[in-house]
C-alpha atoms as a PDB file:
ATOM      1  CA  MET A   1     -82.100  89.249 199.439  1.00  0.00           C
ATOM      2  CA  THR A   2     -78.911  87.834 200.878  1.00  0.00           C
ATOM      3  CA  ARG A   3     -76.856  89.700 203.422  1.00  0.00           C
ATOM      4  CA  LYS A   4     -74.077  90.041 200.871  1.00  0.00           C
ATOM      5  CA  ASP A   5     -76.504  91.639 198.416  1.00  0.00           C
ATOM      6  CA  ARG A   6     -77.751  94.031 201.086  1.00  0.00           C
ATOM      7  CA  TYR A   7     -74.222  95.170 201.909  1.00  0.00           C
ATOM      8  CA  GLN A   8     -73.418  95.643 198.227  1.00  0.00           C
ATOM      9  CA  PHE A   9     -76.545  97.747 197.727  1.00  0.00           C
ATOM     10  CA  VAL A  10     -75.586  99.937 200.692  1.00  0.00           C
ATOM     11  CA  ILE A  11     -72.006 100.283 199.451  1.00  0.00           C
ATOM     12  CA  ASP A  12     -73.138 101.220 195.943  1.00  0.00           C
ATOM     13  CA  TYR A  13     -75.656 103.729 197.304  1.00  0.00           C
ATOM     14  CA  PHE A  14     -73.285 105.571 199.595  1.00  0.00           C
ATOM     15  CA  SER A  15     -70.372 105.384 197.170  1.00  0.00           C
ATOM     16  CA  GLU A  16     -72.455 107.444 194.769  1.00  0.00           C
ATOM     17  CA  LEU A  17     -74.230 109.636 197.335  1.00  0.00           C
ATOM     18  CA  ALA A  18     -71.319 110.388 199.667  1.00  0.00           C
ATOM     19  CA  PRO A  19     -68.019 109.263 198.128  1.00  0.00           C
ATOM     20  CA  ASN A  20     -66.017 111.648 200.313  1.00  0.00           C
ATOM     21  CA  ALA A  21     -67.845 111.227 203.623  1.00  0.00           C
ATOM     22  CA  GLU A  22     -65.772 112.331 206.599  1.00  0.00           C
ATOM     23  CA  THR A  23     -66.073 113.462 210.189  1.00  0.00           C
ATOM     24  CA  GLU A  24     -67.869 116.732 210.850  1.00  0.00           C
ATOM     25  CA  LEU A  25     -65.521 117.547 213.718  1.00  0.00           C
ATOM     26  CA  ILE A  26     -63.107 120.355 212.883  1.00  0.00           C
ATOM     27  CA  TYR A  27     -59.434 119.721 213.642  1.00  0.00           C
ATOM     28  CA  ASP A  28     -55.956 120.384 212.289  1.00  0.00           C
ATOM     29  CA  ASN A  29     -53.960 117.483 213.690  1.00  0.00           C
ATOM     30  CA  PRO A  30     -54.363 114.164 215.551  1.00  0.00           C
ATOM     31  CA  PHE A  31     -54.171 115.802 218.983  1.00  0.00           C
ATOM     32  CA  GLN A  32     -56.974 118.213 218.151  1.00  0.00           C
ATOM     33  CA  LEU A  33     -59.125 115.395 216.804  1.00  0.00           C
ATOM     34  CA  LEU A  34     -58.537 113.395 219.970  1.00  0.00           C
ATOM     35  CA  VAL A  35     -59.632 116.350 222.092  1.00  0.00           C
ATOM     36  CA  ALA A  36     -62.710 116.871 219.921  1.00  0.00           C
ATOM     37  CA  VAL A  37     -63.746 113.213 220.017  1.00  0.00           C
ATOM     38  CA  ILE A  38     -63.385 113.060 223.801  1.00  0.00           C
ATOM     39  CA  LEU A  39     -65.581 116.149 224.065  1.00  0.00           C
ATOM     40  CA  SER A  40     -68.133 114.734 221.618  1.00  0.00           C
ATOM     41  CA  ALA A  41     -69.293 111.953 223.933  1.00  0.00           C
ATOM     42  CA  GLN A  42     -72.975 112.592 224.704  1.00  0.00           C
ATOM     43  CA  CYS A  43     -72.675 115.875 222.828  1.00  0.00           C
ATOM     44  CA  THR A  44     -73.265 117.079 219.275  1.00  0.00           C
ATOM     45  CA  ASP A  45     -70.429 117.738 216.850  1.00  0.00           C
ATOM     46  CA  LYS A  46     -71.904 121.185 216.272  1.00  0.00           C
ATOM     47  CA  ARG A  47     -71.525 122.104 219.924  1.00  0.00           C
ATOM     48  CA  VAL A  48     -68.011 120.684 220.028  1.00  0.00           C
ATOM     49  CA  ASN A  49     -66.989 122.703 216.976  1.00  0.00           C
ATOM     50  CA  LEU A  50     -68.241 125.873 218.654  1.00  0.00           C
ATOM     51  CA  THR A  51     -66.166 125.083 221.728  1.00  0.00           C
ATOM     52  CA  THR A  52     -62.829 123.799 220.460  1.00  0.00           C
ATOM     53  CA  PRO A  53     -61.434 126.980 218.818  1.00  0.00           C
ATOM     54  CA  ALA A  54     -60.959 128.636 222.206  1.00  0.00           C
ATOM     55  CA  ILE A  55     -59.439 125.449 223.617  1.00  0.00           C
ATOM     56  CA  PHE A  56     -57.001 125.032 220.744  1.00  0.00           C
ATOM     57  CA  ALA A  57     -56.020 128.694 220.870  1.00  0.00           C
ATOM     58  CA  GLN A  58     -54.896 128.298 224.472  1.00  0.00           C
ATOM     59  CA  TYR A  59     -53.831 124.648 224.357  1.00  0.00           C
ATOM     60  CA  PRO A  60     -52.684 123.834 220.795  1.00  0.00           C
ATOM     61  CA  ASP A  61     -50.824 120.649 221.696  1.00  0.00           C
ATOM     62  CA  ALA A  62     -50.387 118.000 224.350  1.00  0.00           C
ATOM     63  CA  GLU A  63     -47.455 119.815 225.929  1.00  0.00           C
ATOM     64  CA  SER A  64     -49.450 122.954 226.663  1.00  0.00           C
ATOM     65  CA  MET A  65     -52.571 121.085 227.802  1.00  0.00           C
ATOM     66  CA  SER A  66     -50.510 118.866 230.088  1.00  0.00           C
ATOM     67  CA  LYS A  67     -49.654 122.008 232.083  1.00  0.00           C
ATOM     68  CA  ALA A  68     -53.257 123.119 232.413  1.00  0.00           C
ATOM     69  CA  ASP A  69     -55.114 122.947 235.683  1.00  0.00           C
ATOM     70  CA  PHE A  70     -58.793 122.248 236.183  1.00  0.00           C
ATOM     71  CA  ASP A  71     -59.761 125.869 236.902  1.00  0.00           C
ATOM     72  CA  SER A  72     -58.172 127.167 233.714  1.00  0.00           C
ATOM     73  CA  LEU A  73     -59.528 124.522 231.343  1.00  0.00           C
ATOM     74  CA  PHE A  74     -63.005 124.009 232.781  1.00  0.00           C
ATOM     75  CA  PRO A  75     -64.414 127.430 231.754  1.00  0.00           C
ATOM     76  CA  LEU A  76     -63.560 126.662 228.130  1.00  0.00           C
ATOM     77  CA  ILE A  77     -65.654 123.496 228.032  1.00  0.00           C
ATOM     78  CA  LYS A  78     -68.393 124.190 230.563  1.00  0.00           C
ATOM     79  CA  SER A  79     -70.997 124.341 227.781  1.00  0.00           C
ATOM     80  CA  ILE A  80     -70.187 120.729 226.854  1.00  0.00           C
ATOM     81  CA  SER A  81     -71.973 117.808 228.492  1.00  0.00           C
ATOM     82  CA  TYR A  82     -70.212 116.353 231.554  1.00  0.00           C
ATOM     83  CA  PRO A  83     -67.637 119.159 231.713  1.00  0.00           C
ATOM     84  CA  ASN A  84     -66.159 118.106 235.063  1.00  0.00           C
ATOM     85  CA  ASN A  85     -65.163 114.629 233.922  1.00  0.00           C
ATOM     86  CA  LYS A  86     -64.080 115.779 230.486  1.00  0.00           C
ATOM     87  CA  THR A  87     -61.840 118.475 231.933  1.00  0.00           C
ATOM     88  CA  LYS A  88     -60.102 115.880 234.081  1.00  0.00           C
ATOM     89  CA  HIS A  89     -59.864 113.460 231.173  1.00  0.00           C
ATOM     90  CA  LEU A  90     -58.319 116.004 228.829  1.00  0.00           C
ATOM     91  CA  ILE A  91     -55.655 117.026 231.314  1.00  0.00           C
ATOM     92  CA  GLY A  92     -54.880 113.410 232.172  1.00  0.00           C
ATOM     93  CA  MET A  93     -54.807 112.441 228.512  1.00  0.00           C
ATOM     94  CA  ALA A  94     -52.393 115.241 227.629  1.00  0.00           C
ATOM     95  CA  ARG A  95     -50.081 114.405 230.518  1.00  0.00           C
ATOM     96  CA  MET A  96     -49.927 110.747 229.527  1.00  0.00           C
ATOM     97  CA  LEU A  97     -49.200 111.695 225.923  1.00  0.00           C
ATOM     98  CA  VAL A  98     -46.277 113.819 227.069  1.00  0.00           C
ATOM     99  CA  GLU A  99     -44.957 111.321 229.595  1.00  0.00           C
ATOM    100  CA  LYS A 100     -45.384 108.150 227.542  1.00  0.00           C
ATOM    101  CA  TYR A 101     -45.531 109.166 223.879  1.00  0.00           C
ATOM    102  CA  LYS A 102     -43.492 112.392 223.717  1.00  0.00           C
ATOM    103  CA  GLY A 103     -46.640 114.377 223.044  1.00  0.00           C
ATOM    104  CA  LYS A 104     -47.670 112.356 219.990  1.00  0.00           C
ATOM    105  CA  VAL A 105     -50.983 110.541 219.602  1.00  0.00           C
ATOM    106  CA  PRO A 106     -50.389 106.776 219.292  1.00  0.00           C
ATOM    107  CA  MET A 107     -52.054 104.997 216.395  1.00  0.00           C
ATOM    108  CA  THR A 108     -53.135 101.672 217.838  1.00  0.00           C
ATOM    109  CA  VAL A 109     -56.396 100.964 219.592  1.00  0.00           C
ATOM    110  CA  ASP A 110     -54.617  99.151 222.426  1.00  0.00           C
ATOM    111  CA  GLU A 111     -52.456 102.176 223.175  1.00  0.00           C
ATOM    112  CA  LEU A 112     -55.216 104.732 222.800  1.00  0.00           C
ATOM    113  CA  VAL A 113     -57.636 103.060 225.212  1.00  0.00           C
ATOM    114  CA  GLN A 114     -55.047 103.456 227.966  1.00  0.00           C
ATOM    115  CA  LEU A 115     -55.478 107.232 227.793  1.00  0.00           C
ATOM    116  CA  PRO A 116     -57.937 108.906 230.197  1.00  0.00           C
ATOM    117  CA  GLY A 117     -61.299 109.524 228.546  1.00  0.00           C
ATOM    118  CA  VAL A 118     -60.587 107.215 225.620  1.00  0.00           C
ATOM    119  CA  GLY A 119     -62.703 104.120 225.113  1.00  0.00           C
ATOM    120  CA  ARG A 120     -62.845 101.715 222.210  1.00  0.00           C
ATOM    121  CA  LYS A 121     -65.201 103.898 220.185  1.00  0.00           C
ATOM    122  CA  THR A 122     -62.916 106.931 220.465  1.00  0.00           C
ATOM    123  CA  ALA A 123     -59.836 104.847 219.656  1.00  0.00           C
ATOM    124  CA  ASN A 124     -61.550 103.456 216.567  1.00  0.00           C
ATOM    125  CA  VAL A 125     -62.458 106.964 215.424  1.00  0.00           C
ATOM    126  CA  ILE A 126     -58.889 108.239 215.789  1.00  0.00           C
ATOM    127  CA  THR A 127     -57.249 105.326 213.998  1.00  0.00           C
ATOM    128  CA  SER A 128     -59.796 105.206 211.186  1.00  0.00           C
ATOM    129  CA  VAL A 129     -59.953 108.959 210.559  1.00  0.00           C
ATOM    130  CA  ILE A 130     -56.252 109.747 210.892  1.00  0.00           C
ATOM    131  CA  ASP A 131     -54.755 106.535 209.556  1.00  0.00           C
ATOM    132  CA  ALA A 132     -57.612 104.970 207.529  1.00  0.00           C
ATOM    133  CA  GLN A 133     -57.279 101.802 209.600  1.00  0.00           C
ATOM    134  CA  PRO A 134     -60.138  99.286 209.140  1.00  0.00           C
ATOM    135  CA  ASN A 135     -61.689 100.057 212.516  1.00  0.00           C
ATOM    136  CA  MET A 136     -65.408 100.680 212.986  1.00  0.00           C
ATOM    137  CA  ALA A 137     -66.480 103.099 215.712  1.00  0.00           C
ATOM    138  CA  VAL A 138     -70.010 102.275 216.832  1.00  0.00           C
ATOM    139  CA  ASP A 139     -71.997 105.124 218.327  1.00  0.00           C
ATOM    140  CA  THR A 140     -75.772 105.318 218.761  1.00  0.00           C
ATOM    141  CA  HIS A 141     -76.255 106.255 215.098  1.00  0.00           C
ATOM    142  CA  VAL A 142     -74.200 103.364 213.736  1.00  0.00           C
ATOM    143  CA  PHE A 143     -75.850 100.935 216.160  1.00  0.00           C
ATOM    144  CA  ARG A 144     -79.360 102.043 215.189  1.00  0.00           C
ATOM    145  CA  VAL A 145     -78.870 102.378 211.433  1.00  0.00           C
ATOM    146  CA  SER A 146     -77.042  99.058 211.085  1.00  0.00           C
ATOM    147  CA  ALA A 147     -79.836  97.212 212.834  1.00  0.00           C
ATOM    148  CA  ARG A 148     -82.621  98.979 210.969  1.00  0.00           C
ATOM    149  CA  ILE A 149     -81.173  98.358 207.528  1.00  0.00           C
ATOM    150  CA  GLY A 150     -80.338  94.777 208.374  1.00  0.00           C
ATOM    151  CA  LEU A 151     -76.566  95.019 208.203  1.00  0.00           C
ATOM    152  CA  THR A 152     -76.423  93.531 211.687  1.00  0.00           C
ATOM    153  CA  LEU A 153     -78.500  90.705 213.075  1.00  0.00           C
ATOM    154  CA  ASN A 154     -79.383  90.438 216.751  1.00  0.00           C
ATOM    155  CA  ALA A 155     -76.430  92.601 217.799  1.00  0.00           C
ATOM    156  CA  LYS A 156     -77.049  93.525 221.421  1.00  0.00           C
ATOM    157  CA  THR A 157     -73.937  95.609 222.089  1.00  0.00           C
ATOM    158  CA  PRO A 158     -71.722  98.077 220.197  1.00  0.00           C
ATOM    159  CA  LEU A 159     -68.949  95.473 220.130  1.00  0.00           C
ATOM    160  CA  GLU A 160     -71.227  92.879 218.524  1.00  0.00           C
ATOM    161  CA  THR A 161     -72.257  95.496 215.960  1.00  0.00           C
ATOM    162  CA  GLU A 162     -68.627  96.390 215.297  1.00  0.00           C
ATOM    163  CA  LYS A 163     -67.634  92.760 214.719  1.00  0.00           C
ATOM    164  CA  GLN A 164     -70.442  92.139 212.245  1.00  0.00           C
ATOM    165  CA  LEU A 165     -69.787  95.322 210.282  1.00  0.00           C
ATOM    166  CA  ILE A 166     -66.048  94.758 209.904  1.00  0.00           C
ATOM    167  CA  LYS A 167     -66.756  91.183 208.836  1.00  0.00           C
ATOM    168  CA  PHE A 168     -69.007  92.144 205.938  1.00  0.00           C
ATOM    169  CA  PHE A 169     -67.738  95.535 204.771  1.00  0.00           C
ATOM    170  CA  PRO A 170     -64.652  95.302 202.535  1.00  0.00           C
ATOM    171  CA  LYS A 171     -61.570  96.131 204.575  1.00  0.00           C
ATOM    172  CA  GLU A 172     -60.655  99.125 202.452  1.00  0.00           C
ATOM    173  CA  LEU A 173     -64.096 100.696 202.975  1.00  0.00           C
ATOM    174  CA  ILE A 174     -64.541 100.237 206.712  1.00  0.00           C
ATOM    175  CA  HIS A 175     -63.128 103.628 207.692  1.00  0.00           C
ATOM    176  CA  LYS A 176     -65.475 105.326 205.219  1.00  0.00           C
ATOM    177  CA  ALA A 177     -68.504 103.159 206.044  1.00  0.00           C
ATOM    178  CA  HIS A 178     -68.271 104.446 209.594  1.00  0.00           C
ATOM    179  CA  HIS A 179     -69.036 107.960 208.334  1.00  0.00           C
ATOM    180  CA  TRP A 180     -71.714 106.765 205.938  1.00  0.00           C
ATOM    181  CA  LEU A 181     -73.689 105.198 208.762  1.00  0.00           C
ATOM    182  CA  ILE A 182     -73.171 108.047 211.233  1.00  0.00           C
ATOM    183  CA  LEU A 183     -74.240 110.749 208.801  1.00  0.00           C
ATOM    184  CA  HIS A 184     -77.204 108.702 207.586  1.00  0.00           C
ATOM    185  CA  GLY A 185     -78.336 108.277 211.174  1.00  0.00           C
ATOM    186  CA  ARG A 186     -77.782 111.932 211.987  1.00  0.00           C
ATOM    187  CA  TYR A 187     -79.746 113.371 209.069  1.00  0.00           C
ATOM    188  CA  ILE A 188     -82.012 110.704 207.551  1.00  0.00           C
ATOM    189  CA  CYS A 189     -82.450 107.606 209.709  1.00  0.00           C
ATOM    190  CA  THR A 190     -83.068 109.582 212.875  1.00  0.00           C
ATOM    191  CA  ALA A 191     -84.060 107.921 216.130  1.00  0.00           C
ATOM    192  CA  ARG A 192     -87.498 109.501 216.066  1.00  0.00           C
ATOM    193  CA  ASN A 193     -89.455 110.130 212.894  1.00  0.00           C
ATOM    194  CA  PRO A 194     -86.901 108.781 210.422  1.00  0.00           C
ATOM    195  CA  LYS A 195     -87.102 110.432 207.013  1.00  0.00           C
ATOM    196  CA  CYS A 196     -87.829 107.234 205.092  1.00  0.00           C
ATOM    197  CA  SER A 197     -89.366 109.141 202.179  1.00  0.00           C
ATOM    198  CA  ASP A 198     -85.980 110.808 201.599  1.00  0.00           C
ATOM    199  CA  CYS A 199     -83.979 107.587 201.841  1.00  0.00           C
ATOM    200  CA  GLY A 200     -82.659 105.655 198.866  1.00  0.00           C
ATOM    201  CA  LEU A 201     -82.239 102.478 200.891  1.00  0.00           C
ATOM    202  CA  GLN A 202     -85.933 101.612 201.067  1.00  0.00           C
ATOM    203  CA  THR A 203     -85.455  98.612 198.761  1.00  0.00           C
ATOM    204  CA  VAL A 204     -83.157  96.817 201.192  1.00  0.00           C
ATOM    205  CA  CYS A 205     -84.112  98.363 204.544  1.00  0.00           C
ATOM    206  CA  LYS A 206     -85.762  95.904 206.904  1.00  0.00           C
ATOM    207  CA  PHE A 207     -87.129  98.712 209.063  1.00  0.00           C
ATOM    208  CA  TYR A 208     -88.835 100.395 206.106  1.00  0.00           C
ATOM    209  CA  ASN A 209     -90.271  97.182 204.766  1.00  0.00           C
ATOM    210  CA  ASN A 210     -91.756  96.446 208.177  1.00  0.00           C
ATOM    211  CA  ASN A 211     -92.826 100.079 208.663  1.00  0.00           C
ATOM    212  CA  PRO A 212     -93.479 101.536 205.194  1.00  0.00           C
ATOM    213  CA  THR A 213     -94.891 104.762 206.650  1.00  0.00           C
ATOM    214  CA  GLY A 214     -91.745 105.288 208.716  1.00  0.00           C
ATOM    215  CA  GLU A 215     -93.638 104.822 211.981  1.00  0.00           C
ATOM    216  CA  ARG A 216     -91.919 103.051 214.825  1.00  0.00           C
END
């Protein structure tokens, strides 16, 4: 099977299985999504979604969060991983949005990565989710699933994975493919004990064909 054929099989599969795949983070506007994605680093979306309502109730926009201090914001996110750093990042991010972008979230990766707490992965999430830009955020799920299926070859870093995926996925599907791979990794192609018997990608999956019982 050629690489092109493998990608087409994956596209056809997910287009039928999950045509409307989207982020599981709950948000109402770009600022709220940015806050949620910053909090989601090394943390589950479920935990973030339990935490953000109280944050958004007190700090609904960049203007209000820019006026927060550490002691007032920290208690709202202390259940999240790395709460000290994330508290500082959120306040710094909000202040820069107010000072540089009039409280609005910019929509380019280059601008977003200048914000405290925002790396390339987060910037790719924001631009792809909010603006459907052809940017591929590579987290641990995307990195693992892409390699296992055979969508990427010898990719050693998230950036190498990103470059290969955006090269072979059609431009108009990249923002959706991001969610396909994340959700597949979260619920089916898990790091330990992947549920290969429940997966419809067995035909093309290199991992399965090398490990037909699903054992690592």
